[in-house]
Amino acid sequence: MKTNRCCIRTFAAMMALGLAVGGCNKHSAPRSEKIPPASAPVAPTAQKTDSVIRDLDWAEATLDKIGKDLDEIARDNKISDTTPLTSALQSARAKSDAFRKAAAADVPDAGDLAGAVDFTKNVASVPGPLLDRIDDLDGKKEAYQNLTNDNPSLGDTDIGKRFDGAFQSLAGDLLRLTACQIAQKESDAGEAEGEWNLQSLRCDQILDEGKDEAAYLATKEDLKKSMREAGKTISLTPLDTAREQVRAAKRQQQEAALTKQKLANQSNQLNLQSQLMDEKSGELDAAADRAGDAFDQARQKIQQAIDQEGR
């Protein structure tokens, strides 16, 4: 499952460069722009507006690439419910259009420009981790294909069915995680990342289980071949019994690893919730300070009015 995504890292890198230099014309704008001559200085506000518009161009291009790449993953893995991702992309494009109109105003609002910068920074942060996870998906799929190609005997086991189910869930987790990141839903993104980590571990476990099972089946066939060559008939029941004990021990190891990952997910989610609460507390403290200042100002004005009337 190799997707056609050779340019998305370039988009992300270009966006990051543009954001880092504050739009100092270090990268070409995808759309034509009127650039003032060197002899005509541009006001700082105009420079910032041009920078914001360029970054919005790159953000929109990046969103398009993300959408195409994940659409391909959804098709490859028969994921029918892509509504969250579609909604997140549509909402992001609508935000970009709104920010573009606000930036193009005769006197752009500073708050709108700041919001646009925050928006483009968020979009720029998505492609890097996304491409790493897509590479991980590709690696797991390739490992499974190599395993089954080299060991046709696995076709008689349930390894393929279980891997396909786990892999499809992993691909679905990637779509959900990306949708949360684009929508800037930090808490939901943290939860989705935990699910991705858990399902990724499960896929790896099934691959390891498949390798172990393939080795067992190969050993069993070698023993049968040796018996045929020797003209002997020896029961393989002890081997099968011992193998079942190995399977049981492996399952316990897998369950322990999954439980550990679940606990790590819970810990990460609690840490994230604590960080969000700290940020919220800071905002509430600032709001309380502003309200207190407004109260003091109102009291002072009233007292001044009283003092003036008494004279």
C-alpha atoms as a PDB file:
ATOM      1  CA  MET A   1       0.000   0.000   0.000  1.00  0.00           C
ATOM      2  CA  LYS A   2       2.308   2.691  -1.254  1.00  0.00           C
ATOM      3  CA  THR A   3       0.437   5.952  -1.584  1.00  0.00           C
ATOM      4  CA  ASN A   4       1.247   8.722  -4.041  1.00  0.00           C
ATOM      5  CA  ARG A   5       2.406  11.290  -1.515  1.00  0.00           C
ATOM      6  CA  CYS A   6       5.890  12.349  -2.578  1.00  0.00           C
ATOM      7  CA  CYS A   7       5.146  16.063  -2.234  1.00  0.00           C
ATOM      8  CA  ILE A   8       3.408  16.340   1.123  1.00  0.00           C
ATOM      9  CA  ARG A   9       6.648  16.507   3.115  1.00  0.00           C
ATOM     10  CA  THR A  10       7.769  19.303   0.814  1.00  0.00           C
ATOM     11  CA  PHE A  11       4.536  21.179   1.470  1.00  0.00           C
ATOM     12  CA  ALA A  12       5.052  20.786   5.224  1.00  0.00           C
ATOM     13  CA  ALA A  13       8.680  21.882   5.054  1.00  0.00           C
ATOM     14  CA  MET A  14       7.834  24.923   2.961  1.00  0.00           C
ATOM     15  CA  MET A  15       5.083  25.907   5.364  1.00  0.00           C
ATOM     16  CA  ALA A  16       7.353  25.497   8.351  1.00  0.00           C
ATOM     17  CA  LEU A  17       9.999  27.645   6.654  1.00  0.00           C
ATOM     18  CA  GLY A  18       7.462  30.327   5.817  1.00  0.00           C
ATOM     19  CA  LEU A  19       6.115  30.403   9.373  1.00  0.00           C
ATOM     20  CA  ALA A  20       9.588  30.484  10.867  1.00  0.00           C
ATOM     21  CA  VAL A  21      10.754  33.493   8.879  1.00  0.00           C
ATOM     22  CA  GLY A  22       7.478  35.354   9.255  1.00  0.00           C
ATOM     23  CA  GLY A  23       6.806  35.569   5.533  1.00  0.00           C
ATOM     24  CA  CYS A  24      10.059  37.186   4.450  1.00  0.00           C
ATOM     25  CA  ASN A  25       9.649  35.979   0.874  1.00  0.00           C
ATOM     26  CA  LYS A  26      11.856  32.939   1.552  1.00  0.00           C
ATOM     27  CA  HIS A  27       9.486  30.780  -0.468  1.00  0.00           C
ATOM     28  CA  SER A  28       7.467  31.377  -3.589  1.00  0.00           C
ATOM     29  CA  ALA A  29       3.773  31.984  -3.220  1.00  0.00           C
ATOM     30  CA  PRO A  30       1.621  29.484  -5.099  1.00  0.00           C
ATOM     31  CA  ARG A  31      -0.606  32.264  -6.361  1.00  0.00           C
ATOM     32  CA  SER A  32       0.383  35.398  -8.258  1.00  0.00           C
ATOM     33  CA  GLU A  33       0.904  38.461  -6.084  1.00  0.00           C
ATOM     34  CA  LYS A  34       1.763  42.084  -6.668  1.00  0.00           C
ATOM     35  CA  ILE A  35       5.125  42.607  -5.012  1.00  0.00           C
ATOM     36  CA  PRO A  36       6.015  46.260  -4.414  1.00  0.00           C
ATOM     37  CA  PRO A  37       9.259  47.558  -5.880  1.00  0.00           C
ATOM     38  CA  ALA A  38      12.257  47.789  -3.562  1.00  0.00           C
ATOM     39  CA  SER A  39      12.073  51.590  -3.634  1.00  0.00           C
ATOM     40  CA  ALA A  40       8.560  51.594  -2.166  1.00  0.00           C
ATOM     41  CA  PRO A  41       8.667  50.440   1.475  1.00  0.00           C
ATOM     42  CA  VAL A  42       5.699  48.352   2.552  1.00  0.00           C
ATOM     43  CA  ALA A  43       3.973  49.050   5.852  1.00  0.00           C
ATOM     44  CA  PRO A  44       4.539  46.385   8.514  1.00  0.00           C
ATOM     45  CA  THR A  45       0.815  45.551   8.543  1.00  0.00           C
ATOM     46  CA  ALA A  46       0.840  44.982   4.781  1.00  0.00           C
ATOM     47  CA  GLN A  47       3.904  42.763   5.068  1.00  0.00           C
ATOM     48  CA  LYS A  48       2.227  40.687   7.758  1.00  0.00           C
ATOM     49  CA  THR A  49      -0.941  40.408   5.678  1.00  0.00           C
ATOM     50  CA  ASP A  50       1.025  39.182   2.641  1.00  0.00           C
ATOM     51  CA  SER A  51       2.803  36.654   4.844  1.00  0.00           C
ATOM     52  CA  VAL A  52      -0.480  35.364   6.258  1.00  0.00           C
ATOM     53  CA  ILE A  53      -1.991  34.976   2.786  1.00  0.00           C
ATOM     54  CA  ARG A  54       1.058  33.041   1.552  1.00  0.00           C
ATOM     55  CA  ASP A  55       0.877  30.729   4.547  1.00  0.00           C
ATOM     56  CA  LEU A  56      -2.835  30.190   3.931  1.00  0.00           C
ATOM     57  CA  ASP A  57      -1.980  29.195   0.347  1.00  0.00           C
ATOM     58  CA  TRP A  58       0.418  26.552   1.628  1.00  0.00           C
ATOM     59  CA  ALA A  59      -2.059  25.415   4.290  1.00  0.00           C
ATOM     60  CA  GLU A  60      -4.757  24.867   1.678  1.00  0.00           C
ATOM     61  CA  ALA A  61      -2.357  22.939  -0.560  1.00  0.00           C
ATOM     62  CA  THR A  62      -1.325  20.785   2.385  1.00  0.00           C
ATOM     63  CA  LEU A  63      -4.937  20.068   3.329  1.00  0.00           C
ATOM     64  CA  ASP A  64      -5.574  18.950  -0.250  1.00  0.00           C
ATOM     65  CA  LYS A  65      -2.619  16.546  -0.117  1.00  0.00           C
ATOM     66  CA  ILE A  66      -3.688  15.173   3.264  1.00  0.00           C
ATOM     67  CA  GLY A  67      -7.188  14.581   1.924  1.00  0.00           C
ATOM     68  CA  LYS A  68      -5.944  12.749  -1.184  1.00  0.00           C
ATOM     69  CA  ASP A  69      -3.527  10.537   0.742  1.00  0.00           C
ATOM     70  CA  LEU A  70      -6.079   9.541   3.373  1.00  0.00           C
ATOM     71  CA  ASP A  71      -8.775   8.969   0.750  1.00  0.00           C
ATOM     72  CA  GLU A  72      -6.439   6.427  -0.822  1.00  0.00           C
ATOM     73  CA  ILE A  73      -5.856   4.740   2.531  1.00  0.00           C
ATOM     74  CA  ALA A  74      -9.609   4.615   3.145  1.00  0.00           C
ATOM     75  CA  ARG A  75     -10.188   2.988  -0.258  1.00  0.00           C
ATOM     76  CA  ASP A  76      -7.360   0.486   0.159  1.00  0.00           C
ATOM     77  CA  ASN A  77      -8.680  -0.633   3.532  1.00  0.00           C
ATOM     78  CA  LYS A  78     -12.409  -0.423   2.746  1.00  0.00           C
ATOM     79  CA  ILE A  79     -13.089   2.185   5.425  1.00  0.00           C
ATOM     80  CA  SER A  80     -16.608   3.383   4.705  1.00  0.00           C
ATOM     81  CA  ASP A  81     -17.054   5.970   7.457  1.00  0.00           C
ATOM     82  CA  THR A  82     -14.789   8.892   6.604  1.00  0.00           C
ATOM     83  CA  THR A  83     -17.264  11.520   7.821  1.00  0.00           C
ATOM     84  CA  PRO A  84     -15.098  12.883  10.685  1.00  0.00           C
ATOM     85  CA  LEU A  85     -12.142  13.444   8.368  1.00  0.00           C
ATOM     86  CA  THR A  86     -14.290  14.942   5.607  1.00  0.00           C
ATOM     87  CA  SER A  87     -15.955  17.294   8.090  1.00  0.00           C
ATOM     88  CA  ALA A  88     -12.616  18.353   9.576  1.00  0.00           C
ATOM     89  CA  LEU A  89     -11.157  19.128   6.142  1.00  0.00           C
ATOM     90  CA  GLN A  90     -14.269  21.056   5.078  1.00  0.00           C
ATOM     91  CA  SER A  91     -14.235  23.060   8.295  1.00  0.00           C
ATOM     92  CA  ALA A  92     -10.519  23.814   7.900  1.00  0.00           C
ATOM     93  CA  ARG A  93     -10.998  25.022   4.340  1.00  0.00           C
ATOM     94  CA  ALA A  94     -13.894  27.227   5.465  1.00  0.00           C
ATOM     95  CA  LYS A  95     -11.679  28.709   8.178  1.00  0.00           C
ATOM     96  CA  SER A  96      -8.945  29.357   5.653  1.00  0.00           C
ATOM     97  CA  ASP A  97     -11.399  31.173   3.358  1.00  0.00           C
ATOM     98  CA  ALA A  98     -12.640  33.287   6.271  1.00  0.00           C
ATOM     99  CA  PHE A  99      -9.104  34.177   7.336  1.00  0.00           C
ATOM    100  CA  ARG A 100      -8.193  35.027   3.734  1.00  0.00           C
ATOM    101  CA  LYS A 101     -11.143  37.434   3.437  1.00  0.00           C
ATOM    102  CA  ALA A 102     -10.285  39.003   6.796  1.00  0.00           C
ATOM    103  CA  ALA A 103      -6.635  39.442   5.787  1.00  0.00           C
ATOM    104  CA  ALA A 104      -7.657  41.030   2.479  1.00  0.00           C
ATOM    105  CA  ALA A 105      -9.683  43.736   4.254  1.00  0.00           C
ATOM    106  CA  ASP A 106      -8.556  47.346   3.895  1.00  0.00           C
ATOM    107  CA  VAL A 107      -7.660  47.380   7.599  1.00  0.00           C
ATOM    108  CA  PRO A 108      -7.134  43.748   8.717  1.00  0.00           C
ATOM    109  CA  ASP A 109      -8.066  42.993  12.300  1.00  0.00           C
ATOM    110  CA  ALA A 110      -5.050  42.021  14.422  1.00  0.00           C
ATOM    111  CA  GLY A 111      -7.067  39.255  16.060  1.00  0.00           C
ATOM    112  CA  ASP A 112      -7.956  37.756  12.694  1.00  0.00           C
ATOM    113  CA  LEU A 113      -4.327  37.818  11.587  1.00  0.00           C
ATOM    114  CA  ALA A 114      -3.265  36.131  14.829  1.00  0.00           C
ATOM    115  CA  GLY A 115      -5.963  33.510  14.349  1.00  0.00           C
ATOM    116  CA  ALA A 116      -4.762  32.850  10.812  1.00  0.00           C
ATOM    117  CA  VAL A 117      -1.190  32.372  12.043  1.00  0.00           C
ATOM    118  CA  ASP A 118      -2.380  29.887  14.671  1.00  0.00           C
ATOM    119  CA  PHE A 119      -4.417  28.053  12.035  1.00  0.00           C
ATOM    120  CA  THR A 120      -1.547  27.725   9.556  1.00  0.00           C
ATOM    121  CA  LYS A 121       0.848  26.606  12.300  1.00  0.00           C
ATOM    122  CA  ASN A 122      -1.570  23.844  13.254  1.00  0.00           C
ATOM    123  CA  VAL A 123      -1.910  22.661   9.647  1.00  0.00           C
ATOM    124  CA  ALA A 124       1.882  22.715   9.249  1.00  0.00           C
ATOM    125  CA  SER A 125       2.240  20.452  12.309  1.00  0.00           C
ATOM    126  CA  VAL A 126       0.089  17.662  10.845  1.00  0.00           C
ATOM    127  CA  PRO A 127       1.983  16.254   7.782  1.00  0.00           C
ATOM    128  CA  GLY A 128       5.216  15.190   9.523  1.00  0.00           C
ATOM    129  CA  PRO A 129       3.684  12.781  12.076  1.00  0.00           C
ATOM    130  CA  LEU A 130       1.069  11.736   9.516  1.00  0.00           C
ATOM    131  CA  LEU A 131       3.701  10.662   6.974  1.00  0.00           C
ATOM    132  CA  ASP A 132       5.589   8.756   9.669  1.00  0.00           C
ATOM    133  CA  ARG A 133       2.435   6.834  10.542  1.00  0.00           C
ATOM    134  CA  ILE A 134       1.629   6.147   6.880  1.00  0.00           C
ATOM    135  CA  ASP A 135       5.165   4.787   6.504  1.00  0.00           C
ATOM    136  CA  ASP A 136       4.467   2.588   9.533  1.00  0.00           C
ATOM    137  CA  LEU A 137       1.284   1.322   7.878  1.00  0.00           C
ATOM    138  CA  ASP A 138       3.189   0.549   4.684  1.00  0.00           C
ATOM    139  CA  GLY A 139       5.878  -1.266   6.654  1.00  0.00           C
ATOM    140  CA  LYS A 140       3.380  -3.467   8.477  1.00  0.00           C
ATOM    141  CA  LYS A 141       1.526  -4.314   5.278  1.00  0.00           C
ATOM    142  CA  GLU A 142       4.753  -5.177   3.483  1.00  0.00           C
ATOM    143  CA  ALA A 143       5.940  -7.306   6.414  1.00  0.00           C
ATOM    144  CA  TYR A 144       2.674  -9.248   6.371  1.00  0.00           C
ATOM    145  CA  GLN A 145       2.793  -9.783   2.598  1.00  0.00           C
ATOM    146  CA  ASN A 146       6.386 -11.023   2.799  1.00  0.00           C
ATOM    147  CA  LEU A 147       5.466 -13.338   5.661  1.00  0.00           C
ATOM    148  CA  THR A 148       2.547 -14.939   3.832  1.00  0.00           C
ATOM    149  CA  ASN A 149       4.443 -15.154   0.545  1.00  0.00           C
ATOM    150  CA  ASP A 150       7.334 -16.951   2.238  1.00  0.00           C
ATOM    151  CA  ASN A 151       5.046 -19.178   4.320  1.00  0.00           C
ATOM    152  CA  PRO A 152       2.001 -20.356   2.308  1.00  0.00           C
ATOM    153  CA  SER A 153       1.133 -22.736   5.158  1.00  0.00           C
ATOM    154  CA  LEU A 154      -0.131 -19.749   7.155  1.00  0.00           C
ATOM    155  CA  GLY A 155      -3.126 -19.755   4.823  1.00  0.00           C
ATOM    156  CA  ASP A 156      -4.496 -22.618   6.929  1.00  0.00           C
ATOM    157  CA  THR A 157      -4.440 -20.477  10.082  1.00  0.00           C
ATOM    158  CA  ASP A 158      -6.468 -17.471  11.245  1.00  0.00           C
ATOM    159  CA  ILE A 159      -3.412 -15.180  11.199  1.00  0.00           C
ATOM    160  CA  GLY A 160      -4.497 -13.492   7.981  1.00  0.00           C
ATOM    161  CA  LYS A 161      -8.026 -12.793   9.150  1.00  0.00           C
ATOM    162  CA  ARG A 162      -6.866 -11.365  12.456  1.00  0.00           C
ATOM    163  CA  PHE A 163      -4.153  -9.234  10.877  1.00  0.00           C
ATOM    164  CA  ASP A 164      -6.543  -7.820   8.266  1.00  0.00           C
ATOM    165  CA  GLY A 165      -9.006  -6.839  10.987  1.00  0.00           C
ATOM    166  CA  ALA A 166      -6.355  -5.235  13.177  1.00  0.00           C
ATOM    167  CA  PHE A 167      -4.780  -3.436  10.214  1.00  0.00           C
ATOM    168  CA  GLN A 168      -8.104  -2.020   9.042  1.00  0.00           C
ATOM    169  CA  SER A 169      -8.746  -0.711  12.561  1.00  0.00           C
ATOM    170  CA  LEU A 170      -5.272   0.853  12.596  1.00  0.00           C
ATOM    171  CA  ALA A 171      -5.946   2.654   9.307  1.00  0.00           C
ATOM    172  CA  GLY A 172      -9.255   3.892  10.710  1.00  0.00           C
ATOM    173  CA  ASP A 173      -7.462   5.184  13.818  1.00  0.00           C
ATOM    174  CA  LEU A 174      -5.120   7.159  11.566  1.00  0.00           C
ATOM    175  CA  LEU A 175      -8.039   8.877   9.846  1.00  0.00           C
ATOM    176  CA  ARG A 176      -9.658   9.695  13.186  1.00  0.00           C
ATOM    177  CA  LEU A 177      -6.410  11.004  14.695  1.00  0.00           C
ATOM    178  CA  THR A 178      -5.706  13.233  11.697  1.00  0.00           C
ATOM    179  CA  ALA A 179      -9.256  14.600  11.755  1.00  0.00           C
ATOM    180  CA  CYS A 180      -8.872  15.540  15.439  1.00  0.00           C
ATOM    181  CA  GLN A 181      -5.511  17.220  14.773  1.00  0.00           C
ATOM    182  CA  ILE A 182      -6.864  19.259  11.875  1.00  0.00           C
ATOM    183  CA  ALA A 183      -9.874  20.300  13.973  1.00  0.00           C
ATOM    184  CA  GLN A 184      -7.527  21.210  16.865  1.00  0.00           C
ATOM    185  CA  LYS A 185      -9.412  18.932  19.276  1.00  0.00           C
ATOM    186  CA  GLU A 186      -6.520  18.272  21.613  1.00  0.00           C
ATOM    187  CA  SER A 187      -8.271  15.946  24.034  1.00  0.00           C
ATOM    188  CA  ASP A 188      -9.848  13.843  21.270  1.00  0.00           C
ATOM    189  CA  ALA A 189      -6.520  13.761  19.415  1.00  0.00           C
ATOM    190  CA  GLY A 190      -4.797  12.465  22.542  1.00  0.00           C
ATOM    191  CA  GLU A 191      -7.358   9.703  22.883  1.00  0.00           C
ATOM    192  CA  ALA A 192      -7.090   8.829  19.179  1.00  0.00           C
ATOM    193  CA  GLU A 193      -3.299   8.682  19.402  1.00  0.00           C
ATOM    194  CA  GLY A 194      -3.611   6.253  22.279  1.00  0.00           C
ATOM    195  CA  GLU A 195      -5.881   4.036  20.188  1.00  0.00           C
ATOM    196  CA  TRP A 196      -3.391   4.193  17.323  1.00  0.00           C
ATOM    197  CA  ASN A 197      -0.544   3.105  19.623  1.00  0.00           C
ATOM    198  CA  LEU A 198      -2.622   0.237  21.018  1.00  0.00           C
ATOM    199  CA  GLN A 199      -3.725  -1.033  17.607  1.00  0.00           C
ATOM    200  CA  SER A 200      -0.226  -0.635  16.184  1.00  0.00           C
ATOM    201  CA  LEU A 201       1.077  -2.850  18.982  1.00  0.00           C
ATOM    202  CA  ARG A 202      -1.637  -5.415  18.230  1.00  0.00           C
ATOM    203  CA  CYS A 203      -0.630  -5.551  14.549  1.00  0.00           C
ATOM    204  CA  ASP A 204       3.010  -6.084  15.530  1.00  0.00           C
ATOM    205  CA  GLN A 205       1.991  -8.845  17.912  1.00  0.00           C
ATOM    206  CA  ILE A 206       0.044 -10.670  15.214  1.00  0.00           C
ATOM    207  CA  LEU A 207       3.014 -10.388  12.839  1.00  0.00           C
ATOM    208  CA  ASP A 208       5.318 -11.859  15.499  1.00  0.00           C
ATOM    209  CA  GLU A 209       2.756 -14.572  16.164  1.00  0.00           C
ATOM    210  CA  GLY A 210       2.658 -15.355  12.439  1.00  0.00           C
ATOM    211  CA  LYS A 211       6.440 -15.664  12.259  1.00  0.00           C
ATOM    212  CA  ASP A 212       6.429 -17.952  15.295  1.00  0.00           C
ATOM    213  CA  GLU A 213       3.637 -20.100  13.863  1.00  0.00           C
ATOM    214  CA  ALA A 214       5.372 -20.324  10.485  1.00  0.00           C
ATOM    215  CA  ALA A 215       8.545 -21.545  12.190  1.00  0.00           C
ATOM    216  CA  TYR A 216       6.562 -24.187  14.089  1.00  0.00           C
ATOM    217  CA  LEU A 217       4.802 -25.420  10.953  1.00  0.00           C
ATOM    218  CA  ALA A 218       8.133 -25.587   9.108  1.00  0.00           C
ATOM    219  CA  THR A 219       9.677 -27.588  11.964  1.00  0.00           C
ATOM    220  CA  LYS A 220       6.738 -29.986  11.948  1.00  0.00           C
ATOM    221  CA  GLU A 221       7.046 -30.530   8.196  1.00  0.00           C
ATOM    222  CA  ASP A 222      10.790 -31.171   8.534  1.00  0.00           C
ATOM    223  CA  LEU A 223      10.116 -33.816  11.159  1.00  0.00           C
ATOM    224  CA  LYS A 224       7.490 -35.482   8.973  1.00  0.00           C
ATOM    225  CA  LYS A 225       9.927 -35.495   6.062  1.00  0.00           C
ATOM    226  CA  SER A 226      12.624 -37.037   8.221  1.00  0.00           C
ATOM    227  CA  MET A 227      10.239 -39.756   9.376  1.00  0.00           C
ATOM    228  CA  ARG A 228       9.275 -40.577   5.805  1.00  0.00           C
ATOM    229  CA  GLU A 229      12.900 -40.802   4.764  1.00  0.00           C
ATOM    230  CA  ALA A 230      13.649 -43.015   7.752  1.00  0.00           C
ATOM    231  CA  GLY A 231      10.561 -45.152   7.170  1.00  0.00           C
ATOM    232  CA  LYS A 232       9.349 -44.564  10.713  1.00  0.00           C
ATOM    233  CA  THR A 233       6.049 -43.447  12.205  1.00  0.00           C
ATOM    234  CA  ILE A 234       6.387 -41.444  15.404  1.00  0.00           C
ATOM    235  CA  SER A 235       3.603 -39.524  17.114  1.00  0.00           C
ATOM    236  CA  LEU A 236       3.936 -35.761  16.981  1.00  0.00           C
ATOM    237  CA  THR A 237       1.456 -35.276  19.814  1.00  0.00           C
ATOM    238  CA  PRO A 238       4.158 -34.261  22.343  1.00  0.00           C
ATOM    239  CA  LEU A 239       5.312 -31.581  19.906  1.00  0.00           C
ATOM    240  CA  ASP A 240       1.769 -30.265  19.456  1.00  0.00           C
ATOM    241  CA  THR A 241       1.171 -30.274  23.204  1.00  0.00           C
ATOM    242  CA  ALA A 242       4.376 -28.356  23.866  1.00  0.00           C
ATOM    243  CA  ARG A 243       3.511 -25.947  21.089  1.00  0.00           C
ATOM    244  CA  GLU A 244       0.146 -25.205  22.693  1.00  0.00           C
ATOM    245  CA  GLN A 245       1.946 -24.347  25.918  1.00  0.00           C
ATOM    246  CA  VAL A 246       4.143 -21.943  23.972  1.00  0.00           C
ATOM    247  CA  ARG A 247       1.045 -20.332  22.442  1.00  0.00           C
ATOM    248  CA  ALA A 248      -0.541 -19.888  25.876  1.00  0.00           C
ATOM    249  CA  ALA A 249       2.612 -18.255  27.234  1.00  0.00           C
ATOM    250  CA  LYS A 250       2.807 -15.951  24.197  1.00  0.00           C
ATOM    251  CA  ARG A 251      -0.825 -14.916  24.669  1.00  0.00           C
ATOM    252  CA  GLN A 252      -0.133 -13.981  28.274  1.00  0.00           C
ATOM    253  CA  GLN A 253       2.840 -11.903  27.163  1.00  0.00           C
ATOM    254  CA  GLN A 254       0.682 -10.164  24.572  1.00  0.00           C
ATOM    255  CA  GLU A 255      -2.068  -9.391  27.086  1.00  0.00           C
ATOM    256  CA  ALA A 256       0.477  -7.974  29.523  1.00  0.00           C
ATOM    257  CA  ALA A 257       1.948  -5.727  26.817  1.00  0.00           C
ATOM    258  CA  LEU A 258      -1.522  -4.536  25.764  1.00  0.00           C
ATOM    259  CA  THR A 259      -2.457  -3.794  29.378  1.00  0.00           C
ATOM    260  CA  LYS A 260       0.752  -1.812  29.797  1.00  0.00           C
ATOM    261  CA  GLN A 261      -0.043   0.204  26.665  1.00  0.00           C
ATOM    262  CA  LYS A 262      -3.575   0.882  27.901  1.00  0.00           C
ATOM    263  CA  LEU A 263      -2.175   2.188  31.186  1.00  0.00           C
ATOM    264  CA  ALA A 264       0.279   4.387  29.262  1.00  0.00           C
ATOM    265  CA  ASN A 265      -2.629   5.752  27.217  1.00  0.00           C
ATOM    266  CA  GLN A 266      -4.572   6.557  30.372  1.00  0.00           C
ATOM    267  CA  SER A 267      -1.544   8.277  31.905  1.00  0.00           C
ATOM    268  CA  ASN A 268      -0.942  10.334  28.763  1.00  0.00           C
ATOM    269  CA  GLN A 269      -4.596  11.341  28.621  1.00  0.00           C
ATOM    270  CA  LEU A 270      -4.567  12.425  32.273  1.00  0.00           C
ATOM    271  CA  ASN A 271      -1.414  14.466  31.668  1.00  0.00           C
ATOM    272  CA  LEU A 272      -3.029  16.115  28.660  1.00  0.00           C
ATOM    273  CA  GLN A 273      -6.196  16.899  30.602  1.00  0.00           C
ATOM    274  CA  SER A 274      -4.058  18.398  33.372  1.00  0.00           C
ATOM    275  CA  GLN A 275      -2.213  20.604  30.860  1.00  0.00           C
ATOM    276  CA  LEU A 276      -5.494  21.761  29.333  1.00  0.00           C
ATOM    277  CA  MET A 277      -6.850  22.555  32.796  1.00  0.00           C
ATOM    278  CA  ASP A 278      -3.709  24.547  33.590  1.00  0.00           C
ATOM    279  CA  GLU A 279      -4.216  26.550  30.400  1.00  0.00           C
ATOM    280  CA  LYS A 280      -7.889  27.062  31.232  1.00  0.00           C
ATOM    281  CA  SER A 281      -7.014  28.128  34.757  1.00  0.00           C
ATOM    282  CA  GLY A 282      -4.582  30.685  33.383  1.00  0.00           C
ATOM    283  CA  GLU A 283      -7.288  32.070  31.085  1.00  0.00           C
ATOM    284  CA  LEU A 284      -9.775  32.220  33.963  1.00  0.00           C
ATOM    285  CA  ASP A 285      -7.238  33.940  36.200  1.00  0.00           C
ATOM    286  CA  ALA A 286      -6.601  36.544  33.510  1.00  0.00           C
ATOM    287  CA  ALA A 287     -10.353  37.044  33.033  1.00  0.00           C
ATOM    288  CA  ALA A 288     -10.824  37.434  36.795  1.00  0.00           C
ATOM    289  CA  ASP A 289      -8.024  40.022  36.904  1.00  0.00           C
ATOM    290  CA  ARG A 290      -9.640  41.967  34.057  1.00  0.00           C
ATOM    291  CA  ALA A 291     -13.002  41.849  35.788  1.00  0.00           C
ATOM    292  CA  GLY A 292     -11.399  43.056  39.020  1.00  0.00           C
ATOM    293  CA  ASP A 293      -9.708  45.925  37.209  1.00  0.00           C
ATOM    294  CA  ALA A 294     -13.019  46.893  35.577  1.00  0.00           C
ATOM    295  CA  PHE A 295     -14.699  46.855  38.987  1.00  0.00           C
ATOM    296  CA  ASP A 296     -12.006  49.074  40.499  1.00  0.00           C
ATOM    297  CA  GLN A 297     -12.277  51.523  37.611  1.00  0.00           C
ATOM    298  CA  ALA A 298     -16.057  51.679  37.943  1.00  0.00           C
ATOM    299  CA  ARG A 299     -15.792  52.250  41.696  1.00  0.00           C
ATOM    300  CA  GLN A 300     -13.246  54.997  41.215  1.00  0.00           C
ATOM    301  CA  LYS A 301     -15.417  56.771  38.627  1.00  0.00           C
ATOM    302  CA  ILE A 302     -18.441  56.624  40.902  1.00  0.00           C
ATOM    303  CA  GLN A 303     -16.430  57.930  43.840  1.00  0.00           C
ATOM    304  CA  GLN A 304     -15.110  60.757  41.699  1.00  0.00           C
ATOM    305  CA  ALA A 305     -18.649  61.670  40.697  1.00  0.00           C
ATOM    306  CA  ILE A 306     -19.720  61.677  44.330  1.00  0.00           C
ATOM    307  CA  ASP A 307     -16.801  63.875  45.337  1.00  0.00           C
ATOM    308  CA  GLN A 308     -17.524  66.341  42.534  1.00  0.00           C
ATOM    309  CA  GLU A 309     -21.212  66.651  43.467  1.00  0.00           C
ATOM    310  CA  GLY A 310     -20.354  67.351  47.075  1.00  0.00           C
ATOM    311  CA  ARG A 311     -18.350  70.445  46.222  1.00  0.00           C
END
